[in-house]
Amino acid sequence: MPIPSPVPEHSYLGAYQSSGAFTDCYTLTVQGTITLSELVEAFYTTPLFKVERWLLAKALGFPSTDDQARQLARNEAGHFSAWEVEQRSDSEILLRVGQTRSWLSVASPTTAPASTMLYFGSAVVPKRADGKFGLAFHALGGFHRLYSKLLLASASKRIAKVKR
């Protein structure tokens, strides 16, 4: 199961942490070499994330397909459903929608060279001038933490299934 981890200081997500936004980060180490493209495709095409995609399509009018997720993964698209790509490199991608940012990254840990560290994190930029968040933000915190872990675990399982 993914674990909470510090936001890497020099990452795209780290810039939001430095600015005072809420940030979180979860990691999971898997065997083998995993590319960012593989992580992005797996993450956005898991059955769990497809529930979120369905909700975004029905409630907010942002439909998406697995093919569009693959285009995002291959860097052939600058948006996916409600998200726009804010920044991207070979090892990380940061997407934005409104006040929210979603971040995925891969890295090779020095302690386990035959493996890949998968990262998933979020940032929420406060609307209020005082930098505080409202009641709804705090009320959903527990759900968000659990959902984030489940999403990264689900992506990891999907990658393992595809790589077999």
N, C-alpha and C. Protein backbone atom coordinates (compact mmCIF):
# COMPACT_ATOMS: atom_id res chain seq x y z
N MET A 1 0.85 -1.18 0.00
CA MET A 1 0.00 0.00 0.00
C MET A 1 0.89 1.24 0.00
N PRO A 2 0.54 2.24 -0.77
CA PRO A 2 1.31 3.49 -0.77
C PRO A 2 1.39 4.11 0.62
N ILE A 3 2.46 4.85 0.83
CA ILE A 3 2.67 5.51 2.11
C ILE A 3 2.79 7.02 1.92
N PRO A 4 2.38 7.81 2.91
CA PRO A 4 2.60 9.26 2.83
C PRO A 4 4.10 9.53 2.83
N SER A 5 4.51 10.48 2.01
CA SER A 5 5.92 10.81 1.88
C SER A 5 6.09 12.31 1.77
N PRO A 6 7.28 12.81 2.11
CA PRO A 6 7.52 14.24 1.90
C PRO A 6 7.45 14.59 0.41
N VAL A 7 6.97 15.76 0.11
CA VAL A 7 6.96 16.23 -1.27
C VAL A 7 8.40 16.52 -1.68
N PRO A 8 8.87 15.94 -2.78
CA PRO A 8 10.24 16.24 -3.21
C PRO A 8 10.42 17.75 -3.44
N GLU A 9 11.41 18.30 -2.79
CA GLU A 9 11.60 19.76 -2.76
C GLU A 9 11.70 20.40 -4.14
N HIS A 10 12.41 19.77 -5.06
CA HIS A 10 12.64 20.39 -6.37
C HIS A 10 11.68 19.88 -7.45
N SER A 11 10.58 19.30 -7.03
CA SER A 11 9.58 18.81 -7.98
C SER A 11 8.61 19.93 -8.33
N TYR A 12 7.80 19.68 -9.35
CA TYR A 12 6.75 20.64 -9.70
C TYR A 12 5.80 20.84 -8.52
N LEU A 13 5.51 19.76 -7.81
CA LEU A 13 4.63 19.85 -6.65
C LEU A 13 5.29 20.62 -5.51
N GLY A 14 6.60 20.49 -5.40
CA GLY A 14 7.35 21.20 -4.37
C GLY A 14 7.20 22.71 -4.46
N ALA A 15 7.07 23.22 -5.68
CA ALA A 15 6.87 24.66 -5.86
C ALA A 15 5.58 25.12 -5.20
N TYR A 16 4.54 24.30 -5.25
CA TYR A 16 3.27 24.65 -4.60
C TYR A 16 3.40 24.57 -3.08
N GLN A 17 4.13 23.59 -2.60
CA GLN A 17 4.33 23.48 -1.16
C GLN A 17 5.05 24.73 -0.65
N SER A 18 6.05 25.19 -1.40
CA SER A 18 6.80 26.39 -1.01
C SER A 18 5.94 27.64 -0.99
N SER A 19 4.89 27.65 -1.82
CA SER A 19 4.03 28.84 -1.92
C SER A 19 2.94 28.88 -0.85
N GLY A 20 2.84 27.82 -0.04
CA GLY A 20 1.84 27.81 1.02
C GLY A 20 0.57 27.05 0.70
N ALA A 21 0.49 26.45 -0.47
CA ALA A 21 -0.68 25.64 -0.82
C ALA A 21 -0.67 24.35 0.01
N PHE A 22 -1.83 23.74 0.17
CA PHE A 22 -1.88 22.41 0.76
C PHE A 22 -1.26 21.45 -0.23
N THR A 23 -0.38 20.58 0.23
CA THR A 23 0.18 19.55 -0.64
C THR A 23 0.23 18.23 0.12
N ASP A 24 0.17 17.16 -0.63
CA ASP A 24 0.40 15.84 -0.07
C ASP A 24 1.09 14.99 -1.11
N CYS A 25 1.68 13.90 -0.66
CA CYS A 25 2.44 13.04 -1.56
C CYS A 25 2.40 11.61 -1.04
N TYR A 26 2.21 10.66 -1.95
CA TYR A 26 2.20 9.25 -1.61
C TYR A 26 3.16 8.53 -2.55
N THR A 27 3.85 7.52 -2.01
CA THR A 27 4.81 6.78 -2.82
C THR A 27 4.59 5.29 -2.68
N LEU A 28 5.05 4.60 -3.70
CA LEU A 28 5.00 3.15 -3.73
C LEU A 28 6.17 2.68 -4.59
N THR A 29 6.98 1.78 -4.08
CA THR A 29 8.10 1.24 -4.85
C THR A 29 7.67 -0.07 -5.49
N VAL A 30 7.93 -0.19 -6.79
CA VAL A 30 7.58 -1.39 -7.54
C VAL A 30 8.82 -1.94 -8.23
N GLN A 31 8.81 -3.22 -8.51
CA GLN A 31 9.92 -3.85 -9.21
C GLN A 31 9.92 -3.46 -10.68
N GLY A 32 11.11 -3.31 -11.24
CA GLY A 32 11.24 -3.01 -12.66
C GLY A 32 11.31 -1.52 -12.94
N THR A 33 11.53 -1.24 -14.20
CA THR A 33 11.62 0.15 -14.65
C THR A 33 10.27 0.56 -15.22
N ILE A 34 9.70 1.60 -14.65
CA ILE A 34 8.40 2.11 -15.08
C ILE A 34 8.61 3.53 -15.58
N THR A 35 8.08 3.84 -16.75
CA THR A 35 8.19 5.19 -17.29
C THR A 35 7.02 6.04 -16.81
N LEU A 36 7.20 7.34 -16.93
CA LEU A 36 6.09 8.24 -16.59
C LEU A 36 4.89 7.94 -17.47
N SER A 37 5.10 7.69 -18.74
CA SER A 37 3.99 7.39 -19.65
C SER A 37 3.21 6.17 -19.18
N GLU A 38 3.91 5.15 -18.73
CA GLU A 38 3.23 3.95 -18.23
C GLU A 38 2.42 4.26 -16.98
N LEU A 39 2.99 5.06 -16.08
CA LEU A 39 2.26 5.43 -14.87
C LEU A 39 1.02 6.25 -15.19
N VAL A 40 1.17 7.25 -16.05
CA VAL A 40 0.04 8.12 -16.39
C VAL A 40 -1.10 7.30 -17.03
N GLU A 41 -0.75 6.46 -17.99
CA GLU A 41 -1.79 5.65 -18.63
C GLU A 41 -2.47 4.73 -17.63
N ALA A 42 -1.69 4.04 -16.83
CA ALA A 42 -2.27 3.12 -15.85
C ALA A 42 -3.15 3.86 -14.85
N PHE A 43 -2.67 4.99 -14.35
CA PHE A 43 -3.40 5.76 -13.34
C PHE A 43 -4.77 6.18 -13.85
N TYR A 44 -4.83 6.76 -15.04
CA TYR A 44 -6.08 7.32 -15.53
C TYR A 44 -6.99 6.30 -16.21
N THR A 45 -6.55 5.04 -16.32
CA THR A 45 -7.40 4.01 -16.93
C THR A 45 -7.77 2.89 -15.94
N THR A 46 -7.45 3.08 -14.67
CA THR A 46 -7.86 2.06 -13.69
C THR A 46 -9.38 2.08 -13.52
N PRO A 47 -9.93 0.95 -13.15
CA PRO A 47 -11.38 0.94 -12.87
C PRO A 47 -11.78 1.97 -11.81
N LEU A 48 -10.94 2.15 -10.79
CA LEU A 48 -11.25 3.13 -9.75
C LEU A 48 -11.31 4.54 -10.31
N PHE A 49 -10.33 4.92 -11.12
CA PHE A 49 -10.36 6.28 -11.65
C PHE A 49 -11.47 6.46 -12.68
N LYS A 50 -11.87 5.38 -13.33
CA LYS A 50 -12.97 5.49 -14.28
C LYS A 50 -14.27 5.93 -13.60
N VAL A 51 -14.42 5.63 -12.32
CA VAL A 51 -15.58 6.13 -11.57
C VAL A 51 -15.52 7.65 -11.49
N GLU A 52 -14.34 8.19 -11.19
CA GLU A 52 -14.19 9.65 -11.15
C GLU A 52 -14.42 10.24 -12.53
N ARG A 53 -13.91 9.58 -13.57
CA ARG A 53 -14.13 10.07 -14.94
C ARG A 53 -15.62 10.10 -15.26
N TRP A 54 -16.34 9.07 -14.86
CA TRP A 54 -17.78 9.02 -15.11
C TRP A 54 -18.48 10.17 -14.40
N LEU A 55 -18.11 10.41 -13.14
CA LEU A 55 -18.72 11.50 -12.38
C LEU A 55 -18.43 12.86 -13.03
N LEU A 56 -17.20 13.05 -13.48
CA LEU A 56 -16.84 14.31 -14.15
C LEU A 56 -17.63 14.50 -15.45
N ALA A 57 -17.85 13.42 -16.15
CA ALA A 57 -18.61 13.50 -17.41
C ALA A 57 -20.08 13.82 -17.13
N LYS A 58 -20.67 13.11 -16.18
CA LYS A 58 -22.11 13.27 -15.92
C LYS A 58 -22.42 14.57 -15.17
N ALA A 59 -21.62 14.89 -14.17
CA ALA A 59 -21.94 16.03 -13.32
C ALA A 59 -21.44 17.36 -13.88
N LEU A 60 -20.27 17.33 -14.54
CA LEU A 60 -19.65 18.59 -14.98
C LEU A 60 -19.45 18.71 -16.49
N GLY A 61 -19.81 17.66 -17.22
CA GLY A 61 -19.68 17.74 -18.67
C GLY A 61 -18.25 17.62 -19.19
N PHE A 62 -17.40 16.86 -18.49
CA PHE A 62 -16.02 16.63 -18.92
C PHE A 62 -15.81 15.16 -19.23
N PRO A 63 -16.30 14.68 -20.37
CA PRO A 63 -16.12 13.27 -20.70
C PRO A 63 -14.66 12.98 -21.06
N SER A 64 -14.27 11.71 -20.92
CA SER A 64 -12.93 11.29 -21.30
C SER A 64 -12.95 9.81 -21.63
N THR A 65 -11.95 9.39 -22.40
CA THR A 65 -11.84 8.00 -22.83
C THR A 65 -10.46 7.47 -22.48
N ASP A 66 -10.34 6.15 -22.54
CA ASP A 66 -9.02 5.54 -22.35
C ASP A 66 -8.04 6.00 -23.43
N ASP A 67 -8.53 6.17 -24.65
CA ASP A 67 -7.64 6.66 -25.72
C ASP A 67 -7.11 8.06 -25.40
N GLN A 68 -7.94 8.91 -24.83
CA GLN A 68 -7.48 10.24 -24.44
C GLN A 68 -6.46 10.15 -23.31
N ALA A 69 -6.65 9.21 -22.40
CA ALA A 69 -5.67 8.99 -21.33
C ALA A 69 -4.33 8.54 -21.92
N ARG A 70 -4.38 7.67 -22.92
CA ARG A 70 -3.15 7.21 -23.58
C ARG A 70 -2.46 8.37 -24.32
N GLN A 71 -3.24 9.25 -24.94
CA GLN A 71 -2.65 10.42 -25.59
C GLN A 71 -1.96 11.32 -24.58
N LEU A 72 -2.58 11.53 -23.43
CA LEU A 72 -1.94 12.30 -22.37
C LEU A 72 -0.65 11.62 -21.94
N ALA A 73 -0.72 10.32 -21.76
CA ALA A 73 0.45 9.55 -21.32
C ALA A 73 1.61 9.67 -22.30
N ARG A 74 1.30 9.67 -23.58
CA ARG A 74 2.35 9.75 -24.62
C ARG A 74 2.73 11.18 -24.96
N ASN A 75 2.21 12.14 -24.21
CA ASN A 75 2.49 13.57 -24.43
C ASN A 75 1.97 14.04 -25.79
N GLU A 76 0.85 13.48 -26.20
CA GLU A 76 0.22 13.88 -27.46
C GLU A 76 -0.99 14.78 -27.21
N ALA A 77 -1.26 15.08 -25.95
CA ALA A 77 -2.40 15.94 -25.59
C ALA A 77 -1.99 16.81 -24.41
N GLY A 78 -2.51 18.02 -24.40
CA GLY A 78 -2.23 18.95 -23.32
C GLY A 78 -3.35 19.04 -22.30
N HIS A 79 -4.38 18.23 -22.50
CA HIS A 79 -5.48 18.20 -21.53
C HIS A 79 -6.08 16.81 -21.50
N PHE A 80 -6.79 16.55 -20.42
CA PHE A 80 -7.48 15.28 -20.24
C PHE A 80 -8.67 15.54 -19.33
N SER A 81 -9.86 15.29 -19.82
CA SER A 81 -11.10 15.56 -19.08
C SER A 81 -11.08 17.01 -18.61
N ALA A 82 -11.13 17.25 -17.32
CA ALA A 82 -11.16 18.62 -16.81
C ALA A 82 -9.76 19.21 -16.61
N TRP A 83 -8.72 18.40 -16.72
CA TRP A 83 -7.36 18.82 -16.40
C TRP A 83 -6.60 19.36 -17.60
N GLU A 84 -5.75 20.34 -17.34
CA GLU A 84 -4.79 20.88 -18.31
C GLU A 84 -3.39 20.58 -17.80
N VAL A 85 -2.50 20.24 -18.70
CA VAL A 85 -1.11 20.02 -18.30
C VAL A 85 -0.49 21.38 -17.99
N GLU A 86 0.02 21.51 -16.78
CA GLU A 86 0.70 22.74 -16.37
C GLU A 86 2.20 22.64 -16.64
N GLN A 87 2.79 21.49 -16.31
CA GLN A 87 4.21 21.25 -16.57
C GLN A 87 4.41 19.76 -16.79
N ARG A 88 5.46 19.45 -17.56
CA ARG A 88 5.76 18.04 -17.82
C ARG A 88 7.24 17.89 -18.14
N SER A 89 7.81 16.79 -17.68
CA SER A 89 9.17 16.41 -18.03
C SER A 89 9.16 14.90 -18.28
N ASP A 90 10.32 14.30 -18.44
CA ASP A 90 10.38 12.84 -18.63
C ASP A 90 10.00 12.08 -17.37
N SER A 91 10.08 12.74 -16.20
CA SER A 91 9.84 12.02 -14.96
C SER A 91 8.65 12.52 -14.14
N GLU A 92 8.03 13.64 -14.53
CA GLU A 92 6.89 14.13 -13.76
C GLU A 92 5.93 14.93 -14.63
N ILE A 93 4.68 14.93 -14.18
CA ILE A 93 3.63 15.70 -14.85
C ILE A 93 2.76 16.36 -13.78
N LEU A 94 2.41 17.60 -14.03
CA LEU A 94 1.55 18.36 -13.13
C LEU A 94 0.35 18.83 -13.93
N LEU A 95 -0.84 18.46 -13.47
CA LEU A 95 -2.08 18.86 -14.14
C LEU A 95 -2.87 19.77 -13.22
N ARG A 96 -3.64 20.68 -13.81
CA ARG A 96 -4.42 21.62 -13.00
C ARG A 96 -5.87 21.65 -13.47
N VAL A 97 -6.73 21.90 -12.49
CA VAL A 97 -8.12 22.22 -12.73
C VAL A 97 -8.55 23.09 -11.56
N GLY A 98 -8.94 24.31 -11.86
CA GLY A 98 -9.32 25.23 -10.80
C GLY A 98 -8.19 25.43 -9.80
N GLN A 99 -8.50 25.24 -8.53
CA GLN A 99 -7.51 25.40 -7.45
C GLN A 99 -6.68 24.15 -7.22
N THR A 100 -7.03 23.06 -7.87
CA THR A 100 -6.43 21.76 -7.59
C THR A 100 -5.36 21.40 -8.61
N ARG A 101 -4.30 20.77 -8.12
CA ARG A 101 -3.23 20.25 -8.96
C ARG A 101 -3.06 18.77 -8.65
N SER A 102 -2.82 17.98 -9.69
CA SER A 102 -2.53 16.56 -9.55
C SER A 102 -1.15 16.31 -10.14
N TRP A 103 -0.35 15.55 -9.42
CA TRP A 103 1.04 15.35 -9.81
C TRP A 103 1.39 13.86 -9.78
N LEU A 104 2.03 13.41 -10.84
CA LEU A 104 2.53 12.04 -10.93
C LEU A 104 4.01 12.11 -11.29
N SER A 105 4.78 11.18 -10.72
CA SER A 105 6.21 11.17 -11.00
C SER A 105 6.75 9.76 -10.82
N VAL A 106 7.89 9.51 -11.48
CA VAL A 106 8.63 8.25 -11.32
C VAL A 106 10.09 8.58 -11.04
N ALA A 107 10.73 7.73 -10.25
CA ALA A 107 12.15 7.91 -9.96
C ALA A 107 12.76 6.55 -9.67
N SER A 108 14.04 6.43 -9.94
CA SER A 108 14.77 5.20 -9.62
C SER A 108 15.44 5.39 -8.27
N PRO A 109 15.02 4.63 -7.26
CA PRO A 109 15.64 4.78 -5.95
C PRO A 109 17.08 4.26 -5.96
N THR A 110 17.96 4.96 -5.28
CA THR A 110 19.37 4.53 -5.24
C THR A 110 19.54 3.26 -4.42
N THR A 111 18.63 3.02 -3.48
CA THR A 111 18.73 1.83 -2.64
C THR A 111 18.22 0.57 -3.31
N ALA A 112 17.45 0.70 -4.35
CA ALA A 112 16.88 -0.47 -5.05
C ALA A 112 16.90 -0.19 -6.55
N PRO A 113 18.06 -0.33 -7.20
CA PRO A 113 18.19 0.06 -8.61
C PRO A 113 17.30 -0.69 -9.59
N ALA A 114 16.83 -1.87 -9.25
CA ALA A 114 15.96 -2.62 -10.17
C ALA A 114 14.49 -2.34 -9.91
N SER A 115 14.21 -1.16 -9.38
CA SER A 115 12.83 -0.81 -9.06
C SER A 115 12.55 0.64 -9.42
N THR A 116 11.29 1.03 -9.30
CA THR A 116 10.87 2.40 -9.60
C THR A 116 9.99 2.89 -8.46
N MET A 117 10.23 4.11 -8.04
CA MET A 117 9.38 4.76 -7.04
C MET A 117 8.29 5.50 -7.80
N LEU A 118 7.04 5.16 -7.51
CA LEU A 118 5.89 5.83 -8.10
C LEU A 118 5.40 6.88 -7.11
N TYR A 119 5.10 8.07 -7.61
CA TYR A 119 4.62 9.16 -6.78
C TYR A 119 3.27 9.65 -7.28
N PHE A 120 2.40 9.99 -6.34
CA PHE A 120 1.17 10.70 -6.65
C PHE A 120 0.96 11.74 -5.56
N GLY A 121 0.71 12.95 -5.98
CA GLY A 121 0.49 14.01 -5.01
C GLY A 121 -0.52 15.01 -5.52
N SER A 122 -0.95 15.85 -4.61
CA SER A 122 -1.93 16.88 -4.92
C SER A 122 -1.52 18.20 -4.29
N ALA A 123 -2.04 19.25 -4.87
CA ALA A 123 -1.92 20.58 -4.28
C ALA A 123 -3.27 21.25 -4.40
N VAL A 124 -3.62 22.01 -3.38
CA VAL A 124 -4.83 22.82 -3.43
C VAL A 124 -4.42 24.23 -3.04
N VAL A 125 -4.68 25.15 -3.96
CA VAL A 125 -4.35 26.55 -3.75
C VAL A 125 -5.53 27.21 -3.04
N PRO A 126 -5.30 27.83 -1.90
CA PRO A 126 -6.43 28.44 -1.18
C PRO A 126 -7.04 29.61 -1.95
N LYS A 127 -8.37 29.72 -1.90
CA LYS A 127 -9.08 30.84 -2.52
C LYS A 127 -9.05 32.07 -1.63
N ARG A 128 -9.13 31.82 -0.33
CA ARG A 128 -9.25 32.90 0.63
C ARG A 128 -7.94 33.68 0.77
N ALA A 129 -8.07 34.97 0.95
CA ALA A 129 -6.89 35.84 1.09
C ALA A 129 -6.05 35.47 2.31
N ASP A 130 -6.68 34.91 3.34
CA ASP A 130 -5.92 34.55 4.55
C ASP A 130 -5.21 33.20 4.41
N GLY A 131 -5.36 32.55 3.25
CA GLY A 131 -4.69 31.29 2.99
C GLY A 131 -5.31 30.08 3.65
N LYS A 132 -6.47 30.25 4.26
CA LYS A 132 -7.13 29.14 4.95
C LYS A 132 -8.14 28.48 4.02
N PHE A 133 -8.50 27.26 4.41
CA PHE A 133 -9.46 26.48 3.64
C PHE A 133 -10.76 26.37 4.42
N GLY A 134 -11.86 26.17 3.69
CA GLY A 134 -13.17 26.08 4.31
C GLY A 134 -13.46 24.72 4.93
N LEU A 135 -14.63 24.62 5.48
CA LEU A 135 -15.08 23.41 6.17
C LEU A 135 -15.11 22.20 5.24
N ALA A 136 -15.59 22.36 4.03
CA ALA A 136 -15.68 21.23 3.10
C ALA A 136 -14.31 20.63 2.83
N PHE A 137 -13.30 21.46 2.68
CA PHE A 137 -11.93 20.98 2.44
C PHE A 137 -11.50 20.08 3.61
N HIS A 138 -11.70 20.55 4.82
CA HIS A 138 -11.27 19.78 5.99
C HIS A 138 -12.12 18.52 6.19
N ALA A 139 -13.40 18.61 5.87
CA ALA A 139 -14.29 17.46 6.03
C ALA A 139 -13.93 16.33 5.08
N LEU A 140 -13.39 16.65 3.92
CA LEU A 140 -13.07 15.63 2.92
C LEU A 140 -11.64 15.11 3.03
N GLY A 141 -10.87 15.59 4.00
CA GLY A 141 -9.46 15.21 4.13
C GLY A 141 -9.22 13.73 4.27
N GLY A 142 -9.97 13.06 5.12
CA GLY A 142 -9.80 11.62 5.32
C GLY A 142 -10.10 10.84 4.06
N PHE A 143 -11.19 11.20 3.39
CA PHE A 143 -11.53 10.54 2.13
C PHE A 143 -10.42 10.75 1.10
N HIS A 144 -9.92 11.97 1.00
CA HIS A 144 -8.87 12.28 0.03
C HIS A 144 -7.62 11.43 0.27
N ARG A 145 -7.20 11.29 1.52
CA ARG A 145 -6.00 10.50 1.83
C ARG A 145 -6.19 9.04 1.43
N LEU A 146 -7.32 8.48 1.78
CA LEU A 146 -7.60 7.08 1.43
C LEU A 146 -7.69 6.92 -0.08
N TYR A 147 -8.42 7.80 -0.74
CA TYR A 147 -8.60 7.73 -2.19
C TYR A 147 -7.26 7.85 -2.91
N SER A 148 -6.39 8.73 -2.44
CA SER A 148 -5.07 8.90 -3.07
C SER A 148 -4.26 7.61 -2.99
N LYS A 149 -4.27 6.98 -1.83
CA LYS A 149 -3.54 5.71 -1.67
C LYS A 149 -4.12 4.63 -2.57
N LEU A 150 -5.45 4.56 -2.62
CA LEU A 150 -6.09 3.54 -3.45
C LEU A 150 -5.82 3.76 -4.94
N LEU A 151 -5.81 5.03 -5.37
CA LEU A 151 -5.52 5.32 -6.78
C LEU A 151 -4.11 4.88 -7.15
N LEU A 152 -3.11 5.20 -6.32
CA LEU A 152 -1.74 4.82 -6.64
C LEU A 152 -1.57 3.30 -6.58
N ALA A 153 -2.18 2.66 -5.62
CA ALA A 153 -2.12 1.20 -5.54
C ALA A 153 -2.77 0.56 -6.76
N SER A 154 -3.90 1.10 -7.18
CA SER A 154 -4.61 0.59 -8.34
C SER A 154 -3.77 0.75 -9.61
N ALA A 155 -3.11 1.90 -9.76
CA ALA A 155 -2.23 2.11 -10.92
C ALA A 155 -1.08 1.12 -10.91
N SER A 156 -0.51 0.87 -9.74
CA SER A 156 0.59 -0.08 -9.62
C SER A 156 0.16 -1.48 -10.04
N LYS A 157 -1.02 -1.89 -9.62
CA LYS A 157 -1.53 -3.21 -10.00
C LYS A 157 -1.78 -3.29 -11.50
N ARG A 158 -2.28 -2.22 -12.07
CA ARG A 158 -2.53 -2.19 -13.52
C ARG A 158 -1.21 -2.29 -14.29
N ILE A 159 -0.19 -1.59 -13.83
CA ILE A 159 1.12 -1.65 -14.48
C ILE A 159 1.66 -3.08 -14.41
N ALA A 160 1.59 -3.70 -13.25
CA ALA A 160 2.08 -5.06 -13.08
C ALA A 160 1.35 -6.03 -14.01
N LYS A 161 0.06 -5.83 -14.16
CA LYS A 161 -0.75 -6.70 -15.03
C LYS A 161 -0.32 -6.54 -16.49
N VAL A 162 -0.10 -5.31 -16.92
CA VAL A 162 0.28 -5.03 -18.31
C VAL A 162 1.69 -5.54 -18.60
N LYS A 163 2.59 -5.44 -17.63
CA LYS A 163 4.01 -5.81 -17.83
C LYS A 163 4.23 -7.32 -17.82
N ARG A 164 3.24 -8.10 -17.39
CA ARG A 164 3.41 -9.56 -17.33
C ARG A 164 3.57 -10.15 -18.69
